[in-house]
Amino acid sequence: NLYTGPNTEDTPAVAEGTAFKNGIIIAQVNEIVDTVPRVDVPGDWVS
């Protein structure tokens, strides 16, 4: 599950177009936490 914070920008379009056509999404993050503050991209979209 991803939290984009104030810089969501293009992420929703990129993630949805890729995830719902059996694509692979790799996300770099600043930190890995137990619980994200809000879910901006669901984890089942992310490889």
All heavy atoms as atom14 arrays in JSON, in Angstrom:
{
  "sequence": "NLYTGPNTEDTPAVAEGTAFKNGIIIAQVNEIVDTVPRVDVPGDWVS",
  "atom14_mask": [
    [1, 1, 1, 1, 1, 1, 1, 1, 0, 0, 0, 0, 0, 0],
    [1, 1, 1, 1, 1, 1, 1, 1, 0, 0, 0, 0, 0, 0],
    [1, 1, 1, 1, 1, 1, 1, 1, 1, 1, 1, 1, 0, 0],
    [1, 1, 1, 1, 1, 1, 1, 0, 0, 0, 0, 0, 0, 0],
    [1, 1, 1, 1, 0, 0, 0, 0, 0, 0, 0, 0, 0, 0],
    [1, 1, 1, 1, 1, 1, 1, 0, 0, 0, 0, 0, 0, 0],
    [1, 1, 1, 1, 1, 1, 1, 1, 0, 0, 0, 0, 0, 0],
    [1, 1, 1, 1, 1, 1, 1, 0, 0, 0, 0, 0, 0, 0],
    [1, 1, 1, 1, 1, 1, 1, 1, 1, 0, 0, 0, 0, 0],
    [1, 1, 1, 1, 1, 1, 1, 1, 0, 0, 0, 0, 0, 0],
    [1, 1, 1, 1, 1, 1, 1, 0, 0, 0, 0, 0, 0, 0],
    [1, 1, 1, 1, 1, 1, 1, 0, 0, 0, 0, 0, 0, 0],
    [1, 1, 1, 1, 1, 0, 0, 0, 0, 0, 0, 0, 0, 0],
    [1, 1, 1, 1, 1, 1, 1, 0, 0, 0, 0, 0, 0, 0],
    [1, 1, 1, 1, 1, 0, 0, 0, 0, 0, 0, 0, 0, 0],
    [1, 1, 1, 1, 1, 1, 1, 1, 1, 0, 0, 0, 0, 0],
    [1, 1, 1, 1, 0, 0, 0, 0, 0, 0, 0, 0, 0, 0],
    [1, 1, 1, 1, 1, 1, 1, 0, 0, 0, 0, 0, 0, 0],
    [1, 1, 1, 1, 1, 0, 0, 0, 0, 0, 0, 0, 0, 0],
    [1, 1, 1, 1, 1, 1, 1, 1, 1, 1, 1, 0, 0, 0],
    [1, 1, 1, 1, 1, 1, 1, 1, 1, 0, 0, 0, 0, 0],
    [1, 1, 1, 1, 1, 1, 1, 1, 0, 0, 0, 0, 0, 0],
    [1, 1, 1, 1, 0, 0, 0, 0, 0, 0, 0, 0, 0, 0],
    [1, 1, 1, 1, 1, 1, 1, 1, 0, 0, 0, 0, 0, 0],
    [1, 1, 1, 1, 1, 1, 1, 1, 0, 0, 0, 0, 0, 0],
    [1, 1, 1, 1, 1, 1, 1, 1, 0, 0, 0, 0, 0, 0],
    [1, 1, 1, 1, 1, 0, 0, 0, 0, 0, 0, 0, 0, 0],
    [1, 1, 1, 1, 1, 1, 1, 1, 1, 0, 0, 0, 0, 0],
    [1, 1, 1, 1, 1, 1, 1, 0, 0, 0, 0, 0, 0, 0],
    [1, 1, 1, 1, 1, 1, 1, 1, 0, 0, 0, 0, 0, 0],
    [1, 1, 1, 1, 1, 1, 1, 1, 1, 0, 0, 0, 0, 0],
    [1, 1, 1, 1, 1, 1, 1, 1, 0, 0, 0, 0, 0, 0],
    [1, 1, 1, 1, 1, 1, 1, 0, 0, 0, 0, 0, 0, 0],
    [1, 1, 1, 1, 1, 1, 1, 1, 0, 0, 0, 0, 0, 0],
    [1, 1, 1, 1, 1, 1, 1, 0, 0, 0, 0, 0, 0, 0],
    [1, 1, 1, 1, 1, 1, 1, 0, 0, 0, 0, 0, 0, 0],
    [1, 1, 1, 1, 1, 1, 1, 0, 0, 0, 0, 0, 0, 0],
    [1, 1, 1, 1, 1, 1, 1, 1, 1, 1, 1, 0, 0, 0],
    [1, 1, 1, 1, 1, 1, 1, 0, 0, 0, 0, 0, 0, 0],
    [1, 1, 1, 1, 1, 1, 1, 1, 0, 0, 0, 0, 0, 0],
    [1, 1, 1, 1, 1, 1, 1, 0, 0, 0, 0, 0, 0, 0],
    [1, 1, 1, 1, 1, 1, 1, 0, 0, 0, 0, 0, 0, 0],
    [1, 1, 1, 1, 0, 0, 0, 0, 0, 0, 0, 0, 0, 0],
    [1, 1, 1, 1, 1, 1, 1, 1, 0, 0, 0, 0, 0, 0],
    [1, 1, 1, 1, 1, 1, 1, 1, 1, 1, 1, 1, 1, 1],
    [1, 1, 1, 1, 1, 1, 1, 0, 0, 0, 0, 0, 0, 0],
    [1, 1, 1, 1, 1, 1, 0, 0, 0, 0, 0, 0, 0, 0]
  ],
  "atom14_positions": [
    [[0.85, -1.2, 0.0], [0.0, 0.0, 0.0], [0.88, 1.24, 0.0], [1.85, 1.32, 0.78], [-0.9, 0.01, 1.23], [-1.91, -1.12, 1.22], [-2.69, -1.25, 0.28], [-1.88, -1.96, 2.26], [0.0, 0.0, 0.0], [0.0, 0.0, 0.0], [0.0, 0.0, 0.0], [0.0, 0.0, 0.0], [0.0, 0.0, 0.0], [0.0, 0.0, 0.0]],
    [[0.56, 2.2, -0.85], [1.4, 3.37, -1.01], [0.72, 4.64, -0.51], [-0.49, 4.83, -0.72], [1.77, 3.58, -2.49], [2.5, 2.45, -3.2], [2.8, 2.86, -4.64], [3.77, 2.04, -2.47], [0.0, 0.0, 0.0], [0.0, 0.0, 0.0], [0.0, 0.0, 0.0], [0.0, 0.0, 0.0], [0.0, 0.0, 0.0], [0.0, 0.0, 0.0]],
    [[1.5, 5.5, 0.1], [1.08, 6.84, 0.5], [1.93, 7.82, -0.27], [3.16, 7.81, -0.19], [1.28, 7.01, 2.0], [1.15, 8.43, 2.52], [-0.06, 9.12, 2.41], [2.22, 9.07, 3.14], [-0.19, 10.42, 2.89], [2.09, 10.37, 3.64], [0.89, 11.03, 3.51], [0.76, 12.31, 3.99], [0.0, 0.0, 0.0], [0.0, 0.0, 0.0]],
    [[1.3, 8.65, -1.08], [2.04, 9.57, -1.93], [2.23, 10.94, -1.29], [3.02, 11.75, -1.8], [1.32, 9.74, -3.28], [-0.03, 10.16, -3.05], [1.32, 8.44, -4.07], [0.0, 0.0, 0.0], [0.0, 0.0, 0.0], [0.0, 0.0, 0.0], [0.0, 0.0, 0.0], [0.0, 0.0, 0.0], [0.0, 0.0, 0.0], [0.0, 0.0, 0.0]],
    [[1.48, 11.26, -0.23], [1.59, 12.57, 0.39], [1.14, 13.67, -0.55], [0.26, 13.46, -1.38], [0.0, 0.0, 0.0], [0.0, 0.0, 0.0], [0.0, 0.0, 0.0], [0.0, 0.0, 0.0], [0.0, 0.0, 0.0], [0.0, 0.0, 0.0], [0.0, 0.0, 0.0], [0.0, 0.0, 0.0], [0.0, 0.0, 0.0], [0.0, 0.0, 0.0]],
    [[1.74, 14.86, -0.45], [1.28, 15.97, -1.28], [1.65, 15.83, -2.76], [1.08, 16.48, -3.62], [1.99, 17.19, -0.67], [3.2, 16.61, -0.01], [2.8, 15.27, 0.5], [0.0, 0.0, 0.0], [0.0, 0.0, 0.0], [0.0, 0.0, 0.0], [0.0, 0.0, 0.0], [0.0, 0.0, 0.0], [0.0, 0.0, 0.0], [0.0, 0.0, 0.0]],
    [[2.61, 14.94, -3.07], [3.07, 14.79, -4.44], [2.53, 13.52, -5.09], [3.28, 12.62, -5.46], [4.6, 14.81, -4.49], [5.16, 16.18, -4.2], [5.55, 16.48, -3.09], [5.18, 17.04, -5.21], [0.0, 0.0, 0.0], [0.0, 0.0, 0.0], [0.0, 0.0, 0.0], [0.0, 0.0, 0.0], [0.0, 0.0, 0.0], [0.0, 0.0, 0.0]],
    [[1.22, 13.48, -5.22], [0.62, 12.34, -5.93], [0.85, 12.5, -7.43], [1.29, 11.57, -8.11], [-0.89, 12.25, -5.63], [-1.06, 12.12, -4.21], [-1.51, 11.06, -6.33], [0.0, 0.0, 0.0], [0.0, 0.0, 0.0], [0.0, 0.0, 0.0], [0.0, 0.0, 0.0], [0.0, 0.0, 0.0], [0.0, 0.0, 0.0], [0.0, 0.0, 0.0]],
    [[0.56, 13.67, -7.97], [0.83, 14.04, -9.36], [0.29, 13.02, -10.36], [-0.9, 12.78, -10.45], [2.32, 14.28, -9.55], [2.84, 15.47, -8.76], [4.19, 15.91, -9.23], [4.31, 16.34, -10.37], [5.15, 15.83, -8.43], [0.0, 0.0, 0.0], [0.0, 0.0, 0.0], [0.0, 0.0, 0.0], [0.0, 0.0, 0.0], [0.0, 0.0, 0.0]],
    [[1.19, 12.36, -11.11], [0.78, 11.46, -12.19], [0.5, 10.04, -11.71], [0.03, 9.2, -12.5], [1.89, 11.36, -13.26], [2.24, 12.68, -13.89], [1.78, 13.72, -13.39], [2.98, 12.68, -14.89], [0.0, 0.0, 0.0], [0.0, 0.0, 0.0], [0.0, 0.0, 0.0], [0.0, 0.0, 0.0], [0.0, 0.0, 0.0], [0.0, 0.0, 0.0]],
    [[0.8, 9.74, -10.45], [0.77, 8.36, -9.96], [-0.56, 7.64, -10.23], [-0.54, 6.48, -10.67], [1.1, 8.31, -8.46], [2.29, 9.06, -8.22], [1.29, 6.89, -7.99], [0.0, 0.0, 0.0], [0.0, 0.0, 0.0], [0.0, 0.0, 0.0], [0.0, 0.0, 0.0], [0.0, 0.0, 0.0], [0.0, 0.0, 0.0], [0.0, 0.0, 0.0]],
    [[-1.73, 8.25, -9.99], [-2.97, 7.5, -10.22], [-3.15, 7.03, -11.66], [-3.54, 5.88, -11.91], [-4.07, 8.5, -9.82], [-3.4, 9.43, -8.86], [-2.0, 9.56, -9.37], [0.0, 0.0, 0.0], [0.0, 0.0, 0.0], [0.0, 0.0, 0.0], [0.0, 0.0, 0.0], [0.0, 0.0, 0.0], [0.0, 0.0, 0.0], [0.0, 0.0, 0.0]],
    [[-2.83, 7.89, -12.62], [-2.98, 7.51, -14.02], [-2.0, 6.42, -14.4], [-2.36, 5.43, -15.06], [-2.78, 8.73, -14.92], [0.0, 0.0, 0.0], [0.0, 0.0, 0.0], [0.0, 0.0, 0.0], [0.0, 0.0, 0.0], [0.0, 0.0, 0.0], [0.0, 0.0, 0.0], [0.0, 0.0, 0.0], [0.0, 0.0, 0.0], [0.0, 0.0, 0.0]],
    [[-0.75, 6.57, -13.97], [0.27, 5.57, -14.3], [-0.06, 4.23, -13.67], [-0.02, 3.18, -14.33], [1.66, 6.05, -13.82], [2.71, 4.96, -14.0], [2.07, 7.32, -14.54], [0.0, 0.0, 0.0], [0.0, 0.0, 0.0], [0.0, 0.0, 0.0], [0.0, 0.0, 0.0], [0.0, 0.0, 0.0], [0.0, 0.0, 0.0], [0.0, 0.0, 0.0]],
    [[-0.42, 4.26, -12.38], [-0.67, 3.01, -11.65], [-1.9, 2.28, -12.18], [-1.86, 1.06, -12.38], [-0.83, 3.31, -10.16], [0.0, 0.0, 0.0], [0.0, 0.0, 0.0], [0.0, 0.0, 0.0], [0.0, 0.0, 0.0], [0.0, 0.0, 0.0], [0.0, 0.0, 0.0], [0.0, 0.0, 0.0], [0.0, 0.0, 0.0], [0.0, 0.0, 0.0]],
    [[-2.98, 3.02, -12.42], [-4.2, 2.34, -12.86], [-4.05, 1.78, -14.26], [-4.47, 0.65, -14.54], [-5.39, 3.29, -12.78], [-6.71, 2.62, -13.09], [-7.89, 3.28, -12.41], [-7.68, 3.95, -11.39], [-9.01, 3.1, -12.91], [0.0, 0.0, 0.0], [0.0, 0.0, 0.0], [0.0, 0.0, 0.0], [0.0, 0.0, 0.0], [0.0, 0.0, 0.0]],
    [[-3.44, 2.55, -15.16], [-3.26, 2.06, -16.51], [-2.41, 0.8, -16.55], [-2.65, -0.1, -17.36], [0.0, 0.0, 0.0], [0.0, 0.0, 0.0], [0.0, 0.0, 0.0], [0.0, 0.0, 0.0], [0.0, 0.0, 0.0], [0.0, 0.0, 0.0], [0.0, 0.0, 0.0], [0.0, 0.0, 0.0], [0.0, 0.0, 0.0], [0.0, 0.0, 0.0]],
    [[-1.41, 0.73, -15.67], [-0.52, -0.43, -15.65], [-1.16, -1.62, -14.94], [-1.18, -2.73, -15.47], [0.8, -0.06, -14.94], [1.35, 1.1, -15.55], [1.8, -1.2, -15.01], [0.0, 0.0, 0.0], [0.0, 0.0, 0.0], [0.0, 0.0, 0.0], [0.0, 0.0, 0.0], [0.0, 0.0, 0.0], [0.0, 0.0, 0.0], [0.0, 0.0, 0.0]],
    [[-1.71, -1.38, -13.75], [-2.2, -2.47, -12.91], [-3.37, -3.22, -13.54], [-3.48, -4.44, -13.39], [-2.6, -1.93, -11.54], [0.0, 0.0, 0.0], [0.0, 0.0, 0.0], [0.0, 0.0, 0.0], [0.0, 0.0, 0.0], [0.0, 0.0, 0.0], [0.0, 0.0, 0.0], [0.0, 0.0, 0.0], [0.0, 0.0, 0.0], [0.0, 0.0, 0.0]],
    [[-4.24, -2.49, -14.24], [-5.44, -3.13, -14.77], [-5.26, -3.66, -16.19], [-6.23, -4.0, -16.85], [-6.63, -2.18, -14.66], [-7.11, -2.04, -13.24], [-6.54, -1.09, -12.4], [-8.06, -2.88, -12.73], [-6.95, -0.97, -11.08], [-8.48, -2.79, -11.4], [-7.92, -1.83, -10.57], [0.0, 0.0, 0.0], [0.0, 0.0, 0.0], [0.0, 0.0, 0.0]],
    [[-4.01, -3.74, -16.61], [-3.68, -4.41, -17.86], [-2.55, -5.41, -17.61], [-1.7, -5.65, -18.43], [-3.27, -3.39, -18.93], [-3.44, -3.88, -20.36], [-4.88, -4.09, -20.73], [-4.99, -4.41, -22.22], [-6.4, -4.62, -22.62], [0.0, 0.0, 0.0], [0.0, 0.0, 0.0], [0.0, 0.0, 0.0], [0.0, 0.0, 0.0], [0.0, 0.0, 0.0]],
    [[-2.58, -5.98, -16.4], [-1.62, -7.01, -16.01], [-0.17, -6.55, -16.13], [0.72, -7.33, -16.48], [-1.83, -8.29, -16.84], [-3.02, -9.09, -16.38], [-3.05, -9.59, -15.26], [-4.03, -9.18, -17.23], [0.0, 0.0, 0.0], [0.0, 0.0, 0.0], [0.0, 0.0, 0.0], [0.0, 0.0, 0.0], [0.0, 0.0, 0.0], [0.0, 0.0, 0.0]],
    [[0.06, -5.28, -15.84], [1.42, -4.76, -15.86], [2.09, -4.9, -14.51], [1.48, -5.33, -13.52], [0.0, 0.0, 0.0], [0.0, 0.0, 0.0], [0.0, 0.0, 0.0], [0.0, 0.0, 0.0], [0.0, 0.0, 0.0], [0.0, 0.0, 0.0], [0.0, 0.0, 0.0], [0.0, 0.0, 0.0], [0.0, 0.0, 0.0], [0.0, 0.0, 0.0]],
    [[3.36, -4.53, -14.48], [4.16, -4.64, -13.26], [4.48, -3.23, -12.76], [4.94, -2.38, -13.52], [5.47, -5.4, -13.54], [5.15, -6.88, -13.81], [6.45, -5.26, -12.38], [6.34, -7.7, -14.23], [0.0, 0.0, 0.0], [0.0, 0.0, 0.0], [0.0, 0.0, 0.0], [0.0, 0.0, 0.0], [0.0, 0.0, 0.0], [0.0, 0.0, 0.0]],
    [[4.21, -2.99, -11.47], [4.48, -1.7, -10.85], [5.55, -1.89, -9.77], [5.39, -2.71, -8.87], [3.22, -1.1, -10.22], [2.18, -0.77, -11.29], [3.56, 0.16, -9.43], [0.87, -0.25, -10.74], [0.0, 0.0, 0.0], [0.0, 0.0, 0.0], [0.0, 0.0, 0.0], [0.0, 0.0, 0.0], [0.0, 0.0, 0.0], [0.0, 0.0, 0.0]],
    [[6.62, -1.12, -9.9], [7.68, -1.11, -8.9], [7.75, 0.3, -8.33], [7.89, 1.27, -9.08], [9.03, -1.51, -9.51], [8.93, -2.88, -10.18], [10.13, -1.51, -8.44], [10.15, -3.25, -11.0], [0.0, 0.0, 0.0], [0.0, 0.0, 0.0], [0.0, 0.0, 0.0], [0.0, 0.0, 0.0], [0.0, 0.0, 0.0], [0.0, 0.0, 0.0]],
    [[7.63, 0.41, -7.03], [7.59, 1.73, -6.39], [8.81, 1.93, -5.5], [9.12, 1.07, -4.67], [6.32, 1.88, -5.56], [0.0, 0.0, 0.0], [0.0, 0.0, 0.0], [0.0, 0.0, 0.0], [0.0, 0.0, 0.0], [0.0, 0.0, 0.0], [0.0, 0.0, 0.0], [0.0, 0.0, 0.0], [0.0, 0.0, 0.0], [0.0, 0.0, 0.0]],
    [[9.5, 3.05, -5.71], [10.51, 3.45, -4.74], [9.83, 4.33, -3.71], [8.98, 5.16, -4.04], [11.67, 4.18, -5.39], [11.4, 5.61, -5.81], [12.66, 6.36, -6.22], [13.19, 6.14, -7.3], [13.13, 7.26, -5.35], [0.0, 0.0, 0.0], [0.0, 0.0, 0.0], [0.0, 0.0, 0.0], [0.0, 0.0, 0.0], [0.0, 0.0, 0.0]],
    [[10.17, 4.14, -2.44], [9.55, 4.9, -1.36], [10.63, 5.46, -0.46], [11.77, 4.97, -0.42], [8.56, 4.03, -0.54], [7.43, 3.55, -1.43], [9.27, 2.84, 0.09], [0.0, 0.0, 0.0], [0.0, 0.0, 0.0], [0.0, 0.0, 0.0], [0.0, 0.0, 0.0], [0.0, 0.0, 0.0], [0.0, 0.0, 0.0], [0.0, 0.0, 0.0]],
    [[10.26, 6.49, 0.27], [11.21, 7.1, 1.21], [11.33, 6.28, 2.49], [12.36, 6.31, 3.16], [10.78, 8.52, 1.56], [10.8, 9.43, 0.34], [11.46, 9.14, -0.66], [10.06, 10.52, 0.42], [0.0, 0.0, 0.0], [0.0, 0.0, 0.0], [0.0, 0.0, 0.0], [0.0, 0.0, 0.0], [0.0, 0.0, 0.0], [0.0, 0.0, 0.0]],
    [[10.25, 5.57, 2.8], [10.27, 4.76, 4.02], [9.24, 3.64, 3.92], [8.23, 3.76, 3.23], [9.98, 5.62, 5.25], [8.65, 6.36, 5.17], [8.39, 7.26, 6.37], [9.16, 7.19, 7.34], [7.4, 8.0, 6.33], [0.0, 0.0, 0.0], [0.0, 0.0, 0.0], [0.0, 0.0, 0.0], [0.0, 0.0, 0.0], [0.0, 0.0, 0.0]],
    [[9.54, 2.54, 4.62], [8.59, 1.44, 4.75], [8.1, 1.45, 6.19], [8.9, 1.42, 7.13], [9.23, 0.09, 4.37], [9.59, 0.1, 2.88], [8.28, -1.06, 4.68], [10.31, -1.15, 2.41], [0.0, 0.0, 0.0], [0.0, 0.0, 0.0], [0.0, 0.0, 0.0], [0.0, 0.0, 0.0], [0.0, 0.0, 0.0], [0.0, 0.0, 0.0]],
    [[6.78, 1.52, 6.35], [6.18, 1.71, 7.67], [5.18, 0.59, 7.95], [4.81, -0.18, 7.06], [5.46, 3.08, 7.75], [6.47, 4.21, 7.58], [4.37, 3.18, 6.68], [0.0, 0.0, 0.0], [0.0, 0.0, 0.0], [0.0, 0.0, 0.0], [0.0, 0.0, 0.0], [0.0, 0.0, 0.0], [0.0, 0.0, 0.0], [0.0, 0.0, 0.0]],
    [[4.75, 0.5, 9.2], [3.75, -0.51, 9.55], [2.39, -0.17, 8.95], [1.7, -1.04, 8.42], [3.63, -0.63, 11.08], [4.9, -1.21, 11.7], [5.6, -1.97, 11.0], [5.18, -0.88, 12.86], [0.0, 0.0, 0.0], [0.0, 0.0, 0.0], [0.0, 0.0, 0.0], [0.0, 0.0, 0.0], [0.0, 0.0, 0.0], [0.0, 0.0, 0.0]],
    [[2.01, 1.11, 9.04], [0.72, 1.55, 8.51], [0.89, 2.89, 7.82], [1.44, 3.83, 8.41], [-0.31, 1.71, 9.65], [-0.41, 0.48, 10.37], [-1.69, 2.06, 9.09], [0.0, 0.0, 0.0], [0.0, 0.0, 0.0], [0.0, 0.0, 0.0], [0.0, 0.0, 0.0], [0.0, 0.0, 0.0], [0.0, 0.0, 0.0], [0.0, 0.0, 0.0]],
    [[0.43, 3.0, 6.59], [0.54, 4.27, 5.86], [-0.55, 5.23, 6.34], [-1.64, 4.78, 6.75], [0.44, 4.05, 4.34], [1.64, 3.28, 3.83], [-0.85, 3.34, 3.96], [0.0, 0.0, 0.0], [0.0, 0.0, 0.0], [0.0, 0.0, 0.0], [0.0, 0.0, 0.0], [0.0, 0.0, 0.0], [0.0, 0.0, 0.0], [0.0, 0.0, 0.0]],
    [[-0.3, 6.55, 6.32], [-1.29, 7.53, 6.8], [-2.61, 7.49, 6.03], [-3.67, 7.72, 6.6], [-0.58, 8.88, 6.61], [0.88, 8.54, 6.6], [0.97, 7.2, 5.96], [0.0, 0.0, 0.0], [0.0, 0.0, 0.0], [0.0, 0.0, 0.0], [0.0, 0.0, 0.0], [0.0, 0.0, 0.0], [0.0, 0.0, 0.0], [0.0, 0.0, 0.0]],
    [[-2.55, 7.24, 4.74], [-3.73, 7.02, 3.92], [-3.29, 6.19, 2.72], [-2.12, 6.23, 2.32], [-4.38, 8.34, 3.47], [-3.56, 9.15, 2.48], [-4.33, 10.36, 1.92], [-3.6, 10.95, 0.8], [-2.99, 12.12, 0.81], [-3.05, 12.87, 1.89], [-2.34, 12.56, -0.26], [0.0, 0.0, 0.0], [0.0, 0.0, 0.0], [0.0, 0.0, 0.0]],
    [[-4.19, 5.45, 2.14], [-3.84, 4.59, 1.01], [-4.15, 5.33, -0.28], [-5.31, 5.53, -0.63], [-4.61, 3.26, 1.05], [-4.29, 2.42, -0.19], [-4.25, 2.48, 2.31], [0.0, 0.0, 0.0], [0.0, 0.0, 0.0], [0.0, 0.0, 0.0], [0.0, 0.0, 0.0], [0.0, 0.0, 0.0], [0.0, 0.0, 0.0], [0.0, 0.0, 0.0]],
    [[-3.11, 5.75, -0.99], [-3.27, 6.43, -2.27], [-3.23, 5.46, -3.44], [-3.86, 5.69, -4.47], [-2.19, 7.51, -2.45], [-2.4, 8.69, -1.52], [-3.53, 9.23, -1.49], [-1.46, 9.06, -0.8], [0.0, 0.0, 0.0], [0.0, 0.0, 0.0], [0.0, 0.0, 0.0], [0.0, 0.0, 0.0], [0.0, 0.0, 0.0], [0.0, 0.0, 0.0]],
    [[-2.48, 4.39, -3.31], [-2.45, 3.3, -4.3], [-2.54, 1.99, -3.54], [-1.68, 1.69, -2.71], [-1.15, 3.34, -5.13], [-1.13, 2.17, -6.13], [-1.0, 4.66, -5.86], [0.0, 0.0, 0.0], [0.0, 0.0, 0.0], [0.0, 0.0, 0.0], [0.0, 0.0, 0.0], [0.0, 0.0, 0.0], [0.0, 0.0, 0.0], [0.0, 0.0, 0.0]],
    [[-3.59, 1.19, -3.79], [-3.76, -0.07, -3.04], [-2.62, -1.05, -3.32], [-2.09, -1.12, -4.45], [-5.09, -0.62, -3.58], [-5.78, 0.55, -4.2], [-4.7, 1.44, -4.71], [0.0, 0.0, 0.0], [0.0, 0.0, 0.0], [0.0, 0.0, 0.0], [0.0, 0.0, 0.0], [0.0, 0.0, 0.0], [0.0, 0.0, 0.0], [0.0, 0.0, 0.0]],
    [[-2.28, -1.82, -2.32], [-1.17, -2.74, -2.43], [-1.35, -3.84, -3.47], [-0.37, -4.34, -4.02], [0.0, 0.0, 0.0], [0.0, 0.0, 0.0], [0.0, 0.0, 0.0], [0.0, 0.0, 0.0], [0.0, 0.0, 0.0], [0.0, 0.0, 0.0], [0.0, 0.0, 0.0], [0.0, 0.0, 0.0], [0.0, 0.0, 0.0], [0.0, 0.0, 0.0]],
    [[-2.6, -4.22, -3.74], [-2.78, -5.3, -4.72], [-2.54, -4.83, -6.15], [-2.57, -5.63, -7.09], [-4.16, -5.96, -4.57], [-5.31, -4.98, -4.72], [-5.05, -3.77, -4.9], [-6.47, -5.43, -4.64], [0.0, 0.0, 0.0], [0.0, 0.0, 0.0], [0.0, 0.0, 0.0], [0.0, 0.0, 0.0], [0.0, 0.0, 0.0], [0.0, 0.0, 0.0]],
    [[-2.3, -3.51, -6.35], [-1.89, -3.01, -7.66], [-0.37, -3.07, -7.82], [0.14, -3.0, -8.93], [-2.31, -1.56, -7.87], [-3.78, -1.28, -7.84], [-4.79, -2.11, -7.46], [-4.4, -0.05, -8.19], [-6.0, -1.49, -7.55], [-5.79, -0.22, -8.0], [-3.92, 1.17, -8.65], [-6.72, 0.8, -8.25], [-4.82, 2.18, -8.9], [-6.21, 2.0, -8.71]],
    [[0.34, -3.14, -6.69], [1.79, -2.94, -6.67], [2.52, -4.27, -6.6], [2.2, -5.13, -5.77], [2.18, -2.05, -5.47], [3.69, -1.83, -5.42], [1.45, -0.71, -5.54], [0.0, 0.0, 0.0], [0.0, 0.0, 0.0], [0.0, 0.0, 0.0], [0.0, 0.0, 0.0], [0.0, 0.0, 0.0], [0.0, 0.0, 0.0], [0.0, 0.0, 0.0]],
    [[3.51, -4.43, -7.48], [4.27, -5.69, -7.53], [5.41, -5.68, -6.51], [5.61, -6.67, -5.79], [4.85, -5.9, -8.93], [3.84, -5.8, -9.91], [0.0, 0.0, 0.0], [0.0, 0.0, 0.0], [0.0, 0.0, 0.0], [0.0, 0.0, 0.0], [0.0, 0.0, 0.0], [0.0, 0.0, 0.0], [0.0, 0.0, 0.0], [0.0, 0.0, 0.0]]
  ]
}
